C-alpha atoms as a PDB file:
ATOM      1  CA  UNK A   1      -3.704  34.224 -59.194  1.00  0.00           C
ATOM      2  CA  UNK A   2      -5.162  34.836 -55.759  1.00  0.00           C
ATOM      3  CA  UNK A   3      -4.334  32.450 -52.938  1.00  0.00           C
ATOM      4  CA  UNK A   4      -7.982  31.556 -52.366  1.00  0.00           C
ATOM      5  CA  UNK A   5      -8.288  30.566 -56.046  1.00  0.00           C
ATOM      6  CA  UNK A   6      -5.233  28.308 -55.820  1.00  0.00           C
ATOM      7  CA  UNK A   7      -6.632  26.613 -52.724  1.00  0.00           C
ATOM      8  CA  UNK A   8     -10.009  26.192 -54.406  1.00  0.00           C
ATOM      9  CA  UNK A   9      -8.401  24.732 -57.536  1.00  0.00           C
ATOM     10  CA  UNK A  10      -6.262  22.289 -55.560  1.00  0.00           C
ATOM     11  CA  UNK A  11      -9.243  21.188 -53.495  1.00  0.00           C
ATOM     12  CA  UNK A  12     -11.221  20.662 -56.679  1.00  0.00           C
ATOM     13  CA  UNK A  13      -8.431  18.588 -58.208  1.00  0.00           C
ATOM     14  CA  UNK A  14      -8.194  16.402 -55.120  1.00  0.00           C
ATOM     15  CA  UNK A  15     -11.969  15.941 -55.048  1.00  0.00           C
ATOM     16  CA  UNK A  16     -11.959  15.039 -58.743  1.00  0.00           C
ATOM     17  CA  UNK A  17      -9.205  12.465 -58.339  1.00  0.00           C
ATOM     18  CA  UNK A  18     -10.956  10.932 -55.326  1.00  0.00           C
ATOM     19  CA  UNK A  19     -14.256  10.768 -57.246  1.00  0.00           C
ATOM     20  CA  UNK A  20     -12.471   9.093 -60.138  1.00  0.00           C
ATOM     21  CA  UNK A  21     -10.896   6.496 -57.864  1.00  0.00           C
ATOM     22  CA  UNK A  22     -14.245   5.863 -56.214  1.00  0.00           C
ATOM     23  CA  UNK A  23     -15.849   5.352 -59.626  1.00  0.00           C
ATOM     24  CA  UNK A  24     -13.159   2.940 -60.768  1.00  0.00           C
ATOM     25  CA  UNK A  25     -13.292   0.792 -57.634  1.00  0.00           C
ATOM     26  CA  UNK A  26     -17.047   0.781 -56.967  1.00  0.00           C
ATOM     27  CA  UNK A  27     -19.037   1.566 -60.094  1.00  0.00           C
ATOM     28  CA  UNK A  28     -17.154  -0.113 -62.938  1.00  0.00           C
ATOM     29  CA  UNK A  29     -17.729  -3.863 -63.138  1.00  0.00           C
ATOM     30  CA  UNK A  30     -14.997  -6.010 -64.569  1.00  0.00           C
ATOM     31  CA  UNK A  31     -15.825  -9.420 -66.078  1.00  0.00           C
ATOM     32  CA  UNK A  32     -14.650 -12.559 -64.327  1.00  0.00           C
ATOM     33  CA  UNK A  33     -12.031 -14.391 -66.375  1.00  0.00           C
ATOM     34  CA  UNK A  34     -11.201 -18.050 -65.775  1.00  0.00           C
ATOM     35  CA  UNK A  35      -7.513 -18.917 -65.799  1.00  0.00           C
ATOM     36  CA  UNK A  36      -7.952 -22.547 -64.706  1.00  0.00           C
ATOM     37  CA  UNK A  37      -6.395 -24.043 -67.833  1.00  0.00           C
ATOM     38  CA  UNK A  38      -3.366 -21.787 -67.663  1.00  0.00           C
ATOM     39  CA  UNK A  39      -2.827 -22.488 -63.966  1.00  0.00           C
ATOM     40  CA  UNK A  40      -3.034 -26.244 -64.556  1.00  0.00           C
ATOM     41  CA  UNK A  41      -0.350 -25.978 -67.244  1.00  0.00           C
ATOM     42  CA  UNK A  42       1.864 -23.775 -65.091  1.00  0.00           C
ATOM     43  CA  UNK A  43       1.511 -26.192 -62.169  1.00  0.00           C
ATOM     44  CA  UNK A  44       2.488 -29.125 -64.349  1.00  0.00           C
ATOM     45  CA  UNK A  45       5.486 -27.257 -65.756  1.00  0.00           C
ATOM     46  CA  UNK A  46       6.557 -26.155 -62.275  1.00  0.00           C
ATOM     47  CA  UNK A  47       6.363 -29.746 -60.987  1.00  0.00           C
ATOM     48  CA  UNK A  48       8.382 -31.016 -63.981  1.00  0.00           C
ATOM     49  CA  UNK A  49      11.086 -28.360 -63.547  1.00  0.00           C
ATOM     50  CA  UNK A  50      11.121 -28.907 -59.773  1.00  0.00           C
ATOM     51  CA  UNK A  51      11.792 -32.618 -60.317  1.00  0.00           C
ATOM     52  CA  UNK A  52      14.738 -32.075 -62.646  1.00  0.00           C
ATOM     53  CA  UNK A  53      16.172 -28.909 -61.038  1.00  0.00           C
ATOM     54  CA  UNK A  54      15.733 -29.173 -57.245  1.00  0.00           C
ATOM     55  CA  UNK A  55      16.988 -25.633 -56.542  1.00  0.00           C
ATOM     56  CA  UNK A  56      14.447 -24.086 -58.938  1.00  0.00           C
ATOM     57  CA  UNK A  57      11.837 -23.125 -56.264  1.00  0.00           C
ATOM     58  CA  UNK A  58      14.439 -21.011 -54.449  1.00  0.00           C
ATOM     59  CA  UNK A  59      15.448 -19.287 -57.687  1.00  0.00           C
ATOM     60  CA  UNK A  60      11.786 -18.806 -58.688  1.00  0.00           C
ATOM     61  CA  UNK A  61      10.819 -17.268 -55.338  1.00  0.00           C
ATOM     62  CA  UNK A  62      13.857 -14.980 -55.422  1.00  0.00           C
ATOM     63  CA  UNK A  63      13.018 -13.840 -58.953  1.00  0.00           C
ATOM     64  CA  UNK A  64       9.388 -13.176 -57.980  1.00  0.00           C
ATOM     65  CA  UNK A  65      10.459 -11.197 -54.907  1.00  0.00           C
ATOM     66  CA  UNK A  66      12.907  -9.091 -56.917  1.00  0.00           C
ATOM     67  CA  UNK A  67      10.291  -8.466 -59.614  1.00  0.00           C
ATOM     68  CA  UNK A  68       7.732  -7.453 -57.004  1.00  0.00           C
ATOM     69  CA  UNK A  69      10.201  -5.059 -55.414  1.00  0.00           C
ATOM     70  CA  UNK A  70      11.008  -3.535 -58.800  1.00  0.00           C
ATOM     71  CA  UNK A  71       7.303  -3.119 -59.566  1.00  0.00           C
ATOM     72  CA  UNK A  72       6.703  -1.506 -56.168  1.00  0.00           C
ATOM     73  CA  UNK A  73       9.552   0.958 -56.772  1.00  0.00           C
ATOM     74  CA  UNK A  74       8.151   1.889 -60.200  1.00  0.00           C
ATOM     75  CA  UNK A  75       4.680   2.413 -58.750  1.00  0.00           C
ATOM     76  CA  UNK A  76       6.121   4.563 -55.955  1.00  0.00           C
ATOM     77  CA  UNK A  77       8.126   6.637 -58.440  1.00  0.00           C
ATOM     78  CA  UNK A  78       5.184   7.345 -60.706  1.00  0.00           C
ATOM     79  CA  UNK A  79       2.851   7.952 -57.761  1.00  0.00           C
ATOM     80  CA  UNK A  80       5.199  10.595 -56.373  1.00  0.00           C
ATOM     81  CA  UNK A  81       5.440  12.216 -59.812  1.00  0.00           C
ATOM     82  CA  UNK A  82       1.637  12.240 -60.043  1.00  0.00           C
ATOM     83  CA  UNK A  83       1.278  13.730 -56.567  1.00  0.00           C
ATOM     84  CA  UNK A  84       3.836  16.450 -57.321  1.00  0.00           C
ATOM     85  CA  UNK A  85       2.059  17.219 -60.595  1.00  0.00           C
ATOM     86  CA  UNK A  86      -1.300  17.347 -58.855  1.00  0.00           C
ATOM     87  CA  UNK A  87      -0.136  19.856 -56.250  1.00  0.00           C
ATOM     88  CA  UNK A  88       1.824  22.010 -58.686  1.00  0.00           C
ATOM     89  CA  UNK A  89      -1.057  24.110 -59.952  1.00  0.00           C
ATOM     90  CA  UNK A  90      -0.138  27.619 -61.099  1.00  0.00           C
ATOM     91  CA  UNK A  91       2.789  28.040 -58.743  1.00  0.00           C
END
């Protein structure tokens, strides 16, 4: 395939992905969901556990931080795979 065709195809792919992201974040409306009841129950449970296990907030925050780090690493891994796949067009 000619070099100009590869460049044109890559540019088209990038434009398509950007248009798709724009559509997802600006044109699609997601319904508002109320989680008030769930949050009230979680708050009550957290207060109960905090009363009986005083070190629980430290353990909870550590677990949330580790989970967030793991999620960020997964997202980074799959994003790099997607970027490599996007730029590997007929090469």
